[in-house]
């Protein structure tokens, strides 16, 4: 996972810029102050990811997975859902939608997906450092796997802090209550555990 694939980033940049511009215009026209705030956060994250990529050469698949995460986030906050669909929140958008009523929300799926990707990025970074300083990439043993699981969960906690900051400055957010925050963290952890399974599977496949 540490190989530099030298991906052509132009399609990725166009794709990401397009949905962020469309999301920004929609947020402005609908006076959605909360999502303007989140788009600013997305732009900052995109800049940080670009800097990280220059340091550790993220693979094309990871970069696209991160961009798709951003798209899911923009869709979650901006795409309305029909009146007949069941939601679990004050705003009728995808983020409030129950995919399985009372059991699984769109928001939770995005959390699991996003922090699965974040954990894979953490593993890539750790493996890159191992290879740079020791000549060999990290192996999926309990120690390194726990490190990246906790790193991914830490990024999930940072996400909740950002959502909390939004509630301090913006009225009528769709962040949710304490239970919602707790479920977000549960699905963040689930995503991290899925990432560990992917790491082990990839390693086994490459060795066979």
N, C-alpha and C. Protein backbone atom coordinates (compact mmCIF):
# COMPACT_ATOMS: atom_id res chain seq x y z
N UNK A 1 0.82 -1.21 0.00
CA UNK A 1 0.00 0.00 0.00
C UNK A 1 0.85 1.25 0.00
N UNK A 2 2.15 1.11 0.17
CA UNK A 2 3.00 2.28 0.25
C UNK A 2 3.61 2.67 -1.09
N UNK A 3 3.33 1.94 -2.16
CA UNK A 3 3.94 2.26 -3.43
C UNK A 3 3.35 3.54 -3.99
N UNK A 4 4.20 4.33 -4.58
CA UNK A 4 3.75 5.56 -5.22
C UNK A 4 3.21 5.22 -6.60
N UNK A 5 1.91 5.33 -6.77
CA UNK A 5 1.29 4.98 -8.04
C UNK A 5 1.28 6.15 -9.01
N UNK A 6 1.79 7.32 -8.58
CA UNK A 6 1.82 8.53 -9.42
C UNK A 6 0.51 8.74 -10.16
N UNK A 7 -0.60 8.82 -9.41
CA UNK A 7 -1.89 8.92 -10.08
C UNK A 7 -2.06 10.26 -10.78
N UNK A 8 -2.81 10.25 -11.89
CA UNK A 8 -3.19 11.49 -12.55
C UNK A 8 -4.31 12.11 -11.73
N UNK A 9 -4.02 13.21 -11.07
CA UNK A 9 -4.97 13.78 -10.12
C UNK A 9 -5.98 14.72 -10.76
N UNK A 10 -5.83 15.03 -12.05
CA UNK A 10 -6.73 16.01 -12.66
C UNK A 10 -8.20 15.58 -12.60
N UNK A 11 -8.56 14.34 -12.99
CA UNK A 11 -9.97 13.94 -12.88
C UNK A 11 -10.50 14.00 -11.45
N UNK A 12 -9.64 13.60 -10.49
CA UNK A 12 -10.04 13.63 -9.08
C UNK A 12 -10.28 15.06 -8.61
N UNK A 13 -9.40 15.97 -9.00
CA UNK A 13 -9.54 17.37 -8.60
C UNK A 13 -10.80 17.98 -9.20
N UNK A 14 -11.05 17.70 -10.49
CA UNK A 14 -12.25 18.23 -11.15
C UNK A 14 -13.50 17.68 -10.48
N UNK A 15 -13.52 16.37 -10.23
CA UNK A 15 -14.66 15.72 -9.59
C UNK A 15 -14.94 16.34 -8.22
N UNK A 16 -13.90 16.49 -7.41
CA UNK A 16 -14.06 17.02 -6.05
C UNK A 16 -14.48 18.49 -6.07
N UNK A 17 -13.83 19.27 -6.94
CA UNK A 17 -14.16 20.69 -7.02
C UNK A 17 -15.60 20.89 -7.49
N UNK A 18 -16.04 20.05 -8.42
CA UNK A 18 -17.39 20.19 -8.97
C UNK A 18 -18.45 20.01 -7.90
N UNK A 19 -18.34 18.92 -7.11
CA UNK A 19 -19.40 18.72 -6.11
C UNK A 19 -19.30 19.72 -4.97
N UNK A 20 -18.10 20.22 -4.67
CA UNK A 20 -18.00 21.22 -3.61
C UNK A 20 -18.57 22.57 -4.07
N UNK A 21 -18.33 22.92 -5.32
CA UNK A 21 -18.90 24.17 -5.85
C UNK A 21 -20.42 24.07 -5.90
N UNK A 22 -20.94 22.95 -6.41
CA UNK A 22 -22.39 22.77 -6.46
C UNK A 22 -22.99 22.79 -5.06
N UNK A 23 -22.31 22.13 -4.12
CA UNK A 23 -22.79 22.14 -2.75
C UNK A 23 -22.75 23.53 -2.14
N UNK A 24 -21.69 24.28 -2.43
CA UNK A 24 -21.57 25.63 -1.90
C UNK A 24 -22.64 26.56 -2.45
N UNK A 25 -22.90 26.46 -3.76
CA UNK A 25 -23.93 27.29 -4.37
C UNK A 25 -25.31 26.95 -3.79
N UNK A 26 -25.58 25.66 -3.66
CA UNK A 26 -26.86 25.23 -3.10
C UNK A 26 -27.01 25.70 -1.66
N UNK A 27 -25.95 25.57 -0.86
CA UNK A 27 -26.00 26.01 0.53
C UNK A 27 -26.25 27.51 0.62
N UNK A 28 -25.63 28.29 -0.27
CA UNK A 28 -25.81 29.73 -0.27
C UNK A 28 -27.24 30.10 -0.66
N UNK A 29 -27.74 29.46 -1.72
CA UNK A 29 -29.09 29.80 -2.20
C UNK A 29 -30.17 29.40 -1.21
N UNK A 30 -29.94 28.33 -0.46
CA UNK A 30 -30.93 27.87 0.52
C UNK A 30 -30.65 28.44 1.92
N UNK A 31 -29.63 29.30 2.01
CA UNK A 31 -29.25 29.93 3.29
C UNK A 31 -28.98 28.88 4.37
N UNK A 32 -28.25 27.85 3.96
CA UNK A 32 -27.88 26.76 4.87
C UNK A 32 -26.53 27.07 5.48
N UNK A 33 -26.55 27.86 6.57
CA UNK A 33 -25.31 28.29 7.21
C UNK A 33 -24.49 27.14 7.75
N UNK A 34 -25.16 26.11 8.23
CA UNK A 34 -24.45 24.95 8.78
C UNK A 34 -23.58 24.30 7.71
N UNK A 35 -24.17 24.16 6.51
CA UNK A 35 -23.40 23.45 5.50
C UNK A 35 -22.33 24.33 4.87
N UNK A 36 -22.50 25.64 4.88
CA UNK A 36 -21.41 26.52 4.46
C UNK A 36 -20.21 26.29 5.38
N UNK A 37 -20.48 26.16 6.69
CA UNK A 37 -19.42 25.87 7.66
C UNK A 37 -18.72 24.56 7.32
N UNK A 38 -19.50 23.51 7.03
CA UNK A 38 -18.90 22.21 6.73
C UNK A 38 -18.13 22.22 5.42
N UNK A 39 -18.57 23.01 4.45
CA UNK A 39 -17.83 23.10 3.20
C UNK A 39 -16.47 23.77 3.41
N UNK A 40 -16.43 24.76 4.29
CA UNK A 40 -15.14 25.37 4.64
C UNK A 40 -14.24 24.32 5.27
N UNK A 41 -14.80 23.49 6.16
CA UNK A 41 -14.02 22.41 6.77
C UNK A 41 -13.52 21.45 5.70
N UNK A 42 -14.38 21.10 4.71
CA UNK A 42 -13.98 20.20 3.63
C UNK A 42 -12.82 20.78 2.82
N UNK A 43 -12.87 22.06 2.55
CA UNK A 43 -11.79 22.70 1.78
C UNK A 43 -10.48 22.63 2.55
N UNK A 44 -10.55 22.88 3.85
CA UNK A 44 -9.35 22.80 4.70
C UNK A 44 -8.82 21.36 4.70
N UNK A 45 -9.73 20.39 4.83
CA UNK A 45 -9.31 18.99 4.82
C UNK A 45 -8.68 18.61 3.48
N UNK A 46 -9.25 19.11 2.38
CA UNK A 46 -8.68 18.82 1.06
C UNK A 46 -7.25 19.33 0.96
N UNK A 47 -7.00 20.51 1.52
CA UNK A 47 -5.65 21.07 1.51
C UNK A 47 -4.71 20.21 2.36
N UNK A 48 -5.19 19.75 3.51
CA UNK A 48 -4.37 18.91 4.38
C UNK A 48 -4.08 17.56 3.72
N UNK A 49 -5.08 17.00 3.04
CA UNK A 49 -4.88 15.72 2.35
C UNK A 49 -3.86 15.89 1.22
N UNK A 50 -3.92 17.01 0.51
CA UNK A 50 -2.95 17.28 -0.55
C UNK A 50 -1.54 17.33 0.03
N UNK A 51 -1.40 17.98 1.18
CA UNK A 51 -0.07 18.05 1.81
C UNK A 51 0.38 16.67 2.28
N UNK A 52 -0.56 15.91 2.84
CA UNK A 52 -0.22 14.55 3.28
C UNK A 52 0.20 13.69 2.10
N UNK A 53 -0.52 13.83 0.98
CA UNK A 53 -0.18 13.06 -0.22
C UNK A 53 1.24 13.36 -0.69
N UNK A 54 1.64 14.61 -0.62
CA UNK A 54 2.99 14.98 -1.02
C UNK A 54 4.04 14.35 -0.11
N UNK A 55 3.65 14.08 1.14
CA UNK A 55 4.58 13.49 2.10
C UNK A 55 4.66 11.98 1.99
N UNK A 56 3.52 11.32 1.83
CA UNK A 56 3.50 9.85 1.93
C UNK A 56 3.00 9.15 0.66
N UNK A 57 2.72 9.89 -0.39
CA UNK A 57 2.29 9.32 -1.67
C UNK A 57 1.08 8.38 -1.51
N UNK A 58 -0.05 8.95 -1.17
CA UNK A 58 -1.27 8.16 -1.07
C UNK A 58 -1.60 7.54 -2.42
N UNK A 59 -2.16 6.35 -2.38
CA UNK A 59 -2.51 5.66 -3.62
C UNK A 59 -3.74 6.32 -4.26
N UNK A 60 -3.92 6.05 -5.54
CA UNK A 60 -5.07 6.58 -6.26
C UNK A 60 -6.37 6.11 -5.64
N UNK A 61 -6.42 4.84 -5.23
CA UNK A 61 -7.66 4.30 -4.65
C UNK A 61 -8.00 5.00 -3.34
N UNK A 62 -7.00 5.33 -2.53
CA UNK A 62 -7.27 6.04 -1.27
C UNK A 62 -7.74 7.46 -1.54
N UNK A 63 -7.12 8.12 -2.50
CA UNK A 63 -7.52 9.50 -2.82
C UNK A 63 -8.96 9.54 -3.33
N UNK A 64 -9.32 8.60 -4.19
CA UNK A 64 -10.69 8.56 -4.68
C UNK A 64 -11.67 8.22 -3.57
N UNK A 65 -11.27 7.29 -2.68
CA UNK A 65 -12.15 6.93 -1.56
C UNK A 65 -12.39 8.13 -0.65
N UNK A 66 -11.36 8.95 -0.43
CA UNK A 66 -11.52 10.15 0.38
C UNK A 66 -12.45 11.15 -0.31
N UNK A 67 -12.29 11.30 -1.62
CA UNK A 67 -13.15 12.23 -2.35
C UNK A 67 -14.61 11.78 -2.33
N UNK A 68 -14.83 10.48 -2.49
CA UNK A 68 -16.19 9.95 -2.44
C UNK A 68 -16.80 10.19 -1.05
N UNK A 69 -16.00 10.09 -0.01
CA UNK A 69 -16.46 10.41 1.34
C UNK A 69 -16.96 11.85 1.39
N UNK A 70 -16.20 12.75 0.80
CA UNK A 70 -16.63 14.15 0.76
C UNK A 70 -17.94 14.31 0.00
N UNK A 71 -18.08 13.59 -1.12
CA UNK A 71 -19.32 13.65 -1.89
C UNK A 71 -20.50 13.16 -1.06
N UNK A 72 -20.33 12.05 -0.36
CA UNK A 72 -21.40 11.51 0.48
C UNK A 72 -21.80 12.52 1.55
N UNK A 73 -20.81 13.23 2.06
CA UNK A 73 -21.08 14.24 3.08
C UNK A 73 -21.90 15.39 2.49
N UNK A 74 -21.49 15.88 1.32
CA UNK A 74 -22.22 16.97 0.67
C UNK A 74 -23.65 16.54 0.35
N UNK A 75 -23.79 15.34 -0.21
CA UNK A 75 -25.13 14.83 -0.51
C UNK A 75 -25.97 14.71 0.76
N UNK A 76 -25.35 14.23 1.82
CA UNK A 76 -26.08 14.04 3.07
C UNK A 76 -26.67 15.31 3.61
N UNK A 77 -25.96 16.42 3.44
CA UNK A 77 -26.45 17.67 3.98
C UNK A 77 -27.32 18.48 3.04
N UNK A 78 -27.26 18.16 1.73
CA UNK A 78 -27.93 19.02 0.76
C UNK A 78 -29.08 18.35 0.01
N UNK A 79 -29.09 17.02 -0.12
CA UNK A 79 -30.12 16.35 -0.92
C UNK A 79 -31.36 16.12 -0.07
N UNK A 80 -32.51 16.68 -0.46
CA UNK A 80 -33.74 16.51 0.32
C UNK A 80 -34.33 15.12 0.10
N UNK A 81 -35.13 14.68 1.06
CA UNK A 81 -35.82 13.39 0.93
C UNK A 81 -37.33 13.63 0.92
N UNK A 82 -38.08 12.75 0.25
CA UNK A 82 -39.53 12.95 0.16
C UNK A 82 -40.22 12.94 1.53
N UNK A 83 -41.35 13.58 1.58
CA UNK A 83 -42.11 13.68 2.82
C UNK A 83 -42.53 12.32 3.35
N UNK A 84 -42.70 11.35 2.46
CA UNK A 84 -43.18 10.03 2.88
C UNK A 84 -42.07 9.15 3.46
N UNK A 85 -40.80 9.57 3.32
CA UNK A 85 -39.69 8.76 3.83
C UNK A 85 -39.43 9.10 5.29
N UNK A 86 -39.13 8.08 6.07
CA UNK A 86 -38.94 8.27 7.51
C UNK A 86 -37.57 8.86 7.79
N UNK A 87 -37.53 9.89 8.63
CA UNK A 87 -36.27 10.51 8.99
C UNK A 87 -36.12 10.51 10.51
N UNK A 88 -34.88 10.69 10.94
CA UNK A 88 -34.59 10.77 12.37
C UNK A 88 -33.84 12.05 12.68
N UNK A 89 -34.47 13.18 12.46
CA UNK A 89 -33.83 14.46 12.69
C UNK A 89 -34.74 15.60 12.28
N UNK A 90 -34.35 16.84 12.60
CA UNK A 90 -35.23 17.98 12.32
C UNK A 90 -35.19 18.45 10.87
N UNK A 91 -34.20 18.02 10.10
CA UNK A 91 -34.04 18.51 8.73
C UNK A 91 -34.25 17.34 7.77
N UNK A 92 -35.09 17.55 6.77
CA UNK A 92 -35.43 16.47 5.85
C UNK A 92 -34.39 16.38 4.72
N UNK A 93 -33.22 15.84 5.06
CA UNK A 93 -32.14 15.60 4.10
C UNK A 93 -31.63 14.18 4.30
N UNK A 94 -30.74 13.76 3.39
CA UNK A 94 -30.25 12.38 3.43
C UNK A 94 -29.64 12.01 4.78
N UNK A 95 -28.94 12.95 5.42
CA UNK A 95 -28.31 12.64 6.70
C UNK A 95 -29.32 12.19 7.76
N UNK A 96 -30.56 12.61 7.63
CA UNK A 96 -31.60 12.24 8.60
C UNK A 96 -32.34 10.97 8.21
N UNK A 97 -32.08 10.45 7.01
CA UNK A 97 -32.88 9.35 6.47
C UNK A 97 -32.59 8.03 7.17
N UNK A 98 -33.66 7.34 7.56
CA UNK A 98 -33.53 5.97 8.06
C UNK A 98 -33.50 5.03 6.87
N UNK A 99 -32.36 4.36 6.63
CA UNK A 99 -32.28 3.35 5.58
C UNK A 99 -33.03 2.09 6.01
N UNK A 100 -32.86 1.73 7.28
CA UNK A 100 -33.65 0.68 7.93
C UNK A 100 -34.31 1.35 9.13
N UNK A 101 -35.62 1.60 9.08
CA UNK A 101 -36.28 2.39 10.13
C UNK A 101 -35.91 1.95 11.54
N UNK A 102 -35.45 2.94 12.33
CA UNK A 102 -35.09 2.77 13.74
C UNK A 102 -33.84 1.92 13.98
N UNK A 103 -33.16 1.51 12.89
CA UNK A 103 -31.97 0.68 13.06
C UNK A 103 -30.73 1.24 12.37
N UNK A 104 -30.88 1.81 11.18
CA UNK A 104 -29.71 2.23 10.41
C UNK A 104 -30.03 3.49 9.61
N UNK A 105 -29.22 4.53 9.84
CA UNK A 105 -29.40 5.80 9.14
C UNK A 105 -28.30 5.99 8.09
N UNK A 106 -28.61 6.80 7.10
CA UNK A 106 -27.62 7.18 6.09
C UNK A 106 -26.38 7.75 6.77
N UNK A 107 -26.58 8.60 7.75
CA UNK A 107 -25.48 9.22 8.48
C UNK A 107 -24.54 8.18 9.06
N UNK A 108 -25.09 7.11 9.62
CA UNK A 108 -24.27 6.07 10.25
C UNK A 108 -23.45 5.30 9.22
N UNK A 109 -24.05 5.05 8.05
CA UNK A 109 -23.31 4.37 6.98
C UNK A 109 -22.14 5.23 6.52
N UNK A 110 -22.37 6.54 6.39
CA UNK A 110 -21.31 7.44 5.97
C UNK A 110 -20.20 7.49 7.02
N UNK A 111 -20.57 7.47 8.30
CA UNK A 111 -19.56 7.44 9.35
C UNK A 111 -18.71 6.17 9.25
N UNK A 112 -19.36 5.02 9.08
CA UNK A 112 -18.62 3.75 8.99
C UNK A 112 -17.71 3.75 7.77
N UNK A 113 -18.23 4.18 6.63
CA UNK A 113 -17.42 4.23 5.41
C UNK A 113 -16.24 5.20 5.58
N UNK A 114 -16.55 6.40 6.06
CA UNK A 114 -15.53 7.44 6.15
C UNK A 114 -14.39 7.07 7.05
N UNK A 115 -14.69 6.48 8.20
CA UNK A 115 -13.61 6.18 9.13
C UNK A 115 -12.98 4.83 8.88
N UNK A 116 -13.60 4.04 8.01
CA UNK A 116 -12.89 2.91 7.42
C UNK A 116 -11.78 3.45 6.51
N UNK A 117 -12.14 4.40 5.66
CA UNK A 117 -11.15 5.01 4.76
C UNK A 117 -10.07 5.73 5.57
N UNK A 118 -10.47 6.47 6.60
CA UNK A 118 -9.49 7.19 7.42
C UNK A 118 -8.51 6.23 8.07
N UNK A 119 -8.99 5.08 8.53
CA UNK A 119 -8.10 4.09 9.15
C UNK A 119 -7.16 3.49 8.11
N UNK A 120 -7.65 3.26 6.89
CA UNK A 120 -6.77 2.77 5.82
C UNK A 120 -5.69 3.80 5.49
N UNK A 121 -6.05 5.08 5.52
CA UNK A 121 -5.05 6.13 5.30
C UNK A 121 -4.01 6.10 6.42
N UNK A 122 -4.45 5.92 7.66
CA UNK A 122 -3.52 5.84 8.78
C UNK A 122 -2.57 4.65 8.61
N UNK A 123 -3.11 3.53 8.13
CA UNK A 123 -2.26 2.36 7.90
C UNK A 123 -1.24 2.64 6.79
N UNK A 124 -1.68 3.30 5.75
CA UNK A 124 -0.76 3.67 4.66
C UNK A 124 0.38 4.54 5.22
N UNK A 125 0.04 5.52 6.04
CA UNK A 125 1.05 6.41 6.62
C UNK A 125 2.02 5.64 7.50
N UNK A 126 1.49 4.75 8.34
CA UNK A 126 2.35 3.97 9.23
C UNK A 126 3.26 3.06 8.42
N UNK A 127 2.69 2.40 7.41
CA UNK A 127 3.48 1.51 6.57
C UNK A 127 4.56 2.28 5.81
N UNK A 128 4.22 3.47 5.36
CA UNK A 128 5.19 4.32 4.66
C UNK A 128 6.37 4.65 5.59
N UNK A 129 6.06 4.99 6.83
CA UNK A 129 7.12 5.32 7.78
C UNK A 129 7.98 4.11 8.10
N UNK A 130 7.34 2.95 8.25
CA UNK A 130 8.10 1.73 8.49
C UNK A 130 9.07 1.47 7.34
N UNK A 131 8.56 1.62 6.12
CA UNK A 131 9.38 1.33 4.95
C UNK A 131 10.49 2.36 4.79
N UNK A 132 10.19 3.61 5.09
CA UNK A 132 11.17 4.67 4.94
C UNK A 132 12.32 4.50 5.93
N UNK A 133 12.00 4.12 7.17
CA UNK A 133 13.03 4.07 8.20
C UNK A 133 13.57 2.67 8.47
N UNK A 134 12.80 1.64 8.08
CA UNK A 134 13.27 0.28 8.36
C UNK A 134 13.42 -0.59 7.13
N UNK A 135 13.01 -0.08 5.99
CA UNK A 135 13.17 -0.84 4.76
C UNK A 135 12.03 -1.78 4.44
N UNK A 136 11.12 -2.00 5.39
CA UNK A 136 9.99 -2.90 5.19
C UNK A 136 8.70 -2.22 5.61
N UNK A 137 7.60 -2.44 4.87
CA UNK A 137 6.32 -1.86 5.29
C UNK A 137 5.82 -2.53 6.56
N UNK A 138 4.88 -1.87 7.23
CA UNK A 138 4.31 -2.44 8.46
C UNK A 138 3.59 -3.74 8.14
N UNK A 139 3.68 -4.69 9.04
CA UNK A 139 2.97 -5.95 8.90
C UNK A 139 1.72 -5.91 9.78
N UNK A 140 0.65 -6.56 9.35
CA UNK A 140 -0.63 -6.48 10.10
C UNK A 140 -0.62 -7.32 11.37
N UNK A 141 0.24 -6.95 12.30
CA UNK A 141 0.30 -7.59 13.61
C UNK A 141 -0.51 -6.77 14.61
N UNK A 142 -0.83 -7.35 15.78
CA UNK A 142 -1.73 -6.66 16.72
C UNK A 142 -1.30 -5.23 17.07
N UNK A 143 -0.01 -5.01 17.30
CA UNK A 143 0.45 -3.68 17.70
C UNK A 143 0.17 -2.62 16.65
N UNK A 144 0.70 -2.76 15.44
CA UNK A 144 0.42 -1.76 14.40
C UNK A 144 -1.07 -1.61 14.08
N UNK A 145 -1.81 -2.72 14.10
CA UNK A 145 -3.24 -2.64 13.81
C UNK A 145 -3.97 -1.84 14.88
N UNK A 146 -3.60 -2.03 16.14
CA UNK A 146 -4.24 -1.26 17.20
C UNK A 146 -3.90 0.23 17.08
N UNK A 147 -2.67 0.52 16.69
CA UNK A 147 -2.27 1.92 16.53
C UNK A 147 -3.15 2.62 15.51
N UNK A 148 -3.34 1.99 14.34
CA UNK A 148 -4.14 2.66 13.31
C UNK A 148 -5.63 2.65 13.66
N UNK A 149 -6.08 1.63 14.39
CA UNK A 149 -7.48 1.63 14.83
C UNK A 149 -7.74 2.80 15.77
N UNK A 150 -6.83 3.01 16.72
CA UNK A 150 -6.99 4.12 17.66
C UNK A 150 -6.81 5.46 16.94
N UNK A 151 -5.93 5.51 15.94
CA UNK A 151 -5.75 6.75 15.17
C UNK A 151 -7.02 7.09 14.41
N UNK A 152 -7.63 6.09 13.77
CA UNK A 152 -8.87 6.33 13.05
C UNK A 152 -9.99 6.76 13.99
N UNK A 153 -10.06 6.12 15.16
CA UNK A 153 -11.08 6.50 16.15
C UNK A 153 -10.83 7.91 16.66
N UNK A 154 -9.56 8.28 16.79
CA UNK A 154 -9.23 9.65 17.20
C UNK A 154 -9.69 10.68 16.18
N UNK A 155 -9.54 10.35 14.90
CA UNK A 155 -10.04 11.25 13.86
C UNK A 155 -11.56 11.34 13.92
N UNK A 156 -12.21 10.21 14.26
CA UNK A 156 -13.66 10.23 14.44
C UNK A 156 -14.07 11.14 15.58
N UNK A 157 -13.30 11.10 16.68
CA UNK A 157 -13.60 11.99 17.81
C UNK A 157 -13.41 13.45 17.42
N UNK A 158 -12.38 13.72 16.60
CA UNK A 158 -12.17 15.09 16.12
C UNK A 158 -13.35 15.55 15.28
N UNK A 159 -13.92 14.66 14.49
CA UNK A 159 -15.11 14.99 13.71
C UNK A 159 -16.26 15.42 14.61
N UNK A 160 -16.42 14.72 15.73
CA UNK A 160 -17.49 15.09 16.67
C UNK A 160 -17.22 16.45 17.31
N UNK A 161 -15.94 16.76 17.54
CA UNK A 161 -15.59 18.09 18.08
C UNK A 161 -15.97 19.17 17.08
N UNK A 162 -15.71 18.92 15.79
CA UNK A 162 -16.05 19.90 14.75
C UNK A 162 -17.57 20.11 14.72
N UNK A 163 -18.32 19.01 14.83
CA UNK A 163 -19.78 19.13 14.86
C UNK A 163 -20.24 19.92 16.09
N UNK A 164 -19.57 19.71 17.23
CA UNK A 164 -19.91 20.46 18.45
C UNK A 164 -19.65 21.95 18.25
N UNK A 165 -18.52 22.28 17.60
CA UNK A 165 -18.20 23.69 17.32
C UNK A 165 -19.30 24.31 16.46
N UNK A 166 -19.81 23.53 15.51
CA UNK A 166 -20.89 24.04 14.65
C UNK A 166 -22.11 24.43 15.48
N UNK A 167 -22.43 23.66 16.51
CA UNK A 167 -23.61 23.96 17.34
C UNK A 167 -23.40 25.24 18.17
N UNK A 168 -22.15 25.61 18.41
CA UNK A 168 -21.88 26.80 19.21
C UNK A 168 -22.10 28.10 18.43
N UNK A 169 -21.96 28.02 17.10
CA UNK A 169 -22.01 29.23 16.28
C UNK A 169 -23.20 29.27 15.34
N UNK A 170 -23.88 28.14 15.15
CA UNK A 170 -24.97 28.08 14.18
C UNK A 170 -26.23 27.56 14.87
N UNK A 171 -27.31 28.28 14.71
CA UNK A 171 -28.57 27.84 15.28
C UNK A 171 -29.21 26.77 14.39
N UNK A 172 -30.00 25.91 15.01
CA UNK A 172 -30.80 24.91 14.29
C UNK A 172 -29.95 24.01 13.41
N UNK A 173 -28.89 23.41 13.98
CA UNK A 173 -28.09 22.45 13.23
C UNK A 173 -28.77 21.09 13.22
N UNK A 174 -28.27 20.22 12.36
CA UNK A 174 -28.79 18.85 12.26
C UNK A 174 -27.81 17.87 12.88
N UNK A 175 -27.04 18.34 13.88
CA UNK A 175 -26.01 17.51 14.49
C UNK A 175 -26.61 16.36 15.29
N UNK A 176 -27.69 16.62 15.99
CA UNK A 176 -28.31 15.56 16.79
C UNK A 176 -27.94 15.65 18.26
N UNK A 177 -28.50 14.74 19.05
CA UNK A 177 -28.30 14.77 20.50
C UNK A 177 -27.14 13.89 20.92
N UNK A 178 -27.03 13.69 22.25
CA UNK A 178 -25.93 12.89 22.79
C UNK A 178 -25.95 11.47 22.26
N UNK A 179 -27.14 10.89 22.18
CA UNK A 179 -27.26 9.51 21.67
C UNK A 179 -26.77 9.43 20.23
N UNK A 180 -27.09 10.44 19.43
CA UNK A 180 -26.63 10.47 18.05
C UNK A 180 -25.11 10.50 17.98
N UNK A 181 -24.50 11.33 18.85
CA UNK A 181 -23.04 11.41 18.89
C UNK A 181 -22.44 10.06 19.27
N UNK A 182 -23.04 9.40 20.26
CA UNK A 182 -22.53 8.10 20.70
C UNK A 182 -22.63 7.07 19.57
N UNK A 183 -23.75 7.06 18.86
CA UNK A 183 -23.90 6.13 17.74
C UNK A 183 -22.91 6.45 16.62
N UNK A 184 -22.65 7.74 16.39
CA UNK A 184 -21.64 8.11 15.40
C UNK A 184 -20.30 7.49 15.75
N UNK A 185 -19.92 7.55 17.02
CA UNK A 185 -18.64 7.00 17.45
C UNK A 185 -18.61 5.48 17.35
N UNK A 186 -19.76 4.85 17.60
CA UNK A 186 -19.84 3.40 17.42
C UNK A 186 -19.60 3.02 15.96
N UNK A 187 -20.23 3.75 15.05
CA UNK A 187 -20.06 3.44 13.63
C UNK A 187 -18.68 3.83 13.13
N UNK A 188 -18.08 4.86 13.72
CA UNK A 188 -16.68 5.17 13.42
C UNK A 188 -15.79 3.97 13.74
N UNK A 189 -16.01 3.40 14.93
CA UNK A 189 -15.23 2.24 15.35
C UNK A 189 -15.49 1.04 14.45
N UNK A 190 -16.74 0.83 14.08
CA UNK A 190 -17.07 -0.26 13.17
C UNK A 190 -16.34 -0.10 11.84
N UNK A 191 -16.30 1.12 11.34
CA UNK A 191 -15.57 1.37 10.11
C UNK A 191 -14.09 1.05 10.25
N UNK A 192 -13.51 1.42 11.40
CA UNK A 192 -12.11 1.10 11.66
C UNK A 192 -11.86 -0.40 11.69
N UNK A 193 -12.77 -1.14 12.30
CA UNK A 193 -12.62 -2.60 12.37
C UNK A 193 -12.73 -3.23 10.98
N UNK A 194 -13.62 -2.69 10.16
CA UNK A 194 -13.72 -3.17 8.77
C UNK A 194 -12.39 -2.92 8.04
N UNK A 195 -11.80 -1.75 8.30
CA UNK A 195 -10.51 -1.43 7.67
C UNK A 195 -9.44 -2.44 8.07
N UNK A 196 -9.43 -2.85 9.34
CA UNK A 196 -8.45 -3.86 9.77
C UNK A 196 -8.64 -5.16 9.01
N UNK A 197 -9.90 -5.54 8.79
CA UNK A 197 -10.18 -6.74 8.00
C UNK A 197 -9.66 -6.60 6.58
N UNK A 198 -9.83 -5.42 5.99
CA UNK A 198 -9.34 -5.18 4.63
C UNK A 198 -7.82 -5.28 4.59
N UNK A 199 -7.16 -4.71 5.59
CA UNK A 199 -5.70 -4.75 5.66
C UNK A 199 -5.20 -6.19 5.74
N UNK A 200 -5.82 -6.98 6.62
CA UNK A 200 -5.41 -8.38 6.75
C UNK A 200 -5.67 -9.15 5.46
N UNK A 201 -6.81 -8.90 4.82
CA UNK A 201 -7.14 -9.61 3.59
C UNK A 201 -6.16 -9.26 2.48
N UNK A 202 -5.84 -7.97 2.35
CA UNK A 202 -4.91 -7.55 1.31
C UNK A 202 -3.54 -8.17 1.53
N UNK A 203 -3.10 -8.21 2.79
CA UNK A 203 -1.80 -8.77 3.08
C UNK A 203 -1.77 -10.26 2.77
N UNK A 204 -2.83 -10.97 3.16
CA UNK A 204 -2.90 -12.40 2.86
C UNK A 204 -2.92 -12.66 1.37
N UNK A 205 -3.64 -11.82 0.61
CA UNK A 205 -3.74 -12.00 -0.83
C UNK A 205 -2.41 -11.75 -1.51
N UNK A 206 -1.67 -10.73 -1.01
CA UNK A 206 -0.40 -10.40 -1.64
C UNK A 206 0.67 -11.45 -1.35
N UNK A 207 0.51 -12.19 -0.24
CA UNK A 207 1.49 -13.21 0.13
C UNK A 207 1.19 -14.57 -0.47
N UNK A 208 -0.03 -14.74 -0.98
CA UNK A 208 -0.43 -16.04 -1.54
C UNK A 208 -0.04 -16.17 -3.01
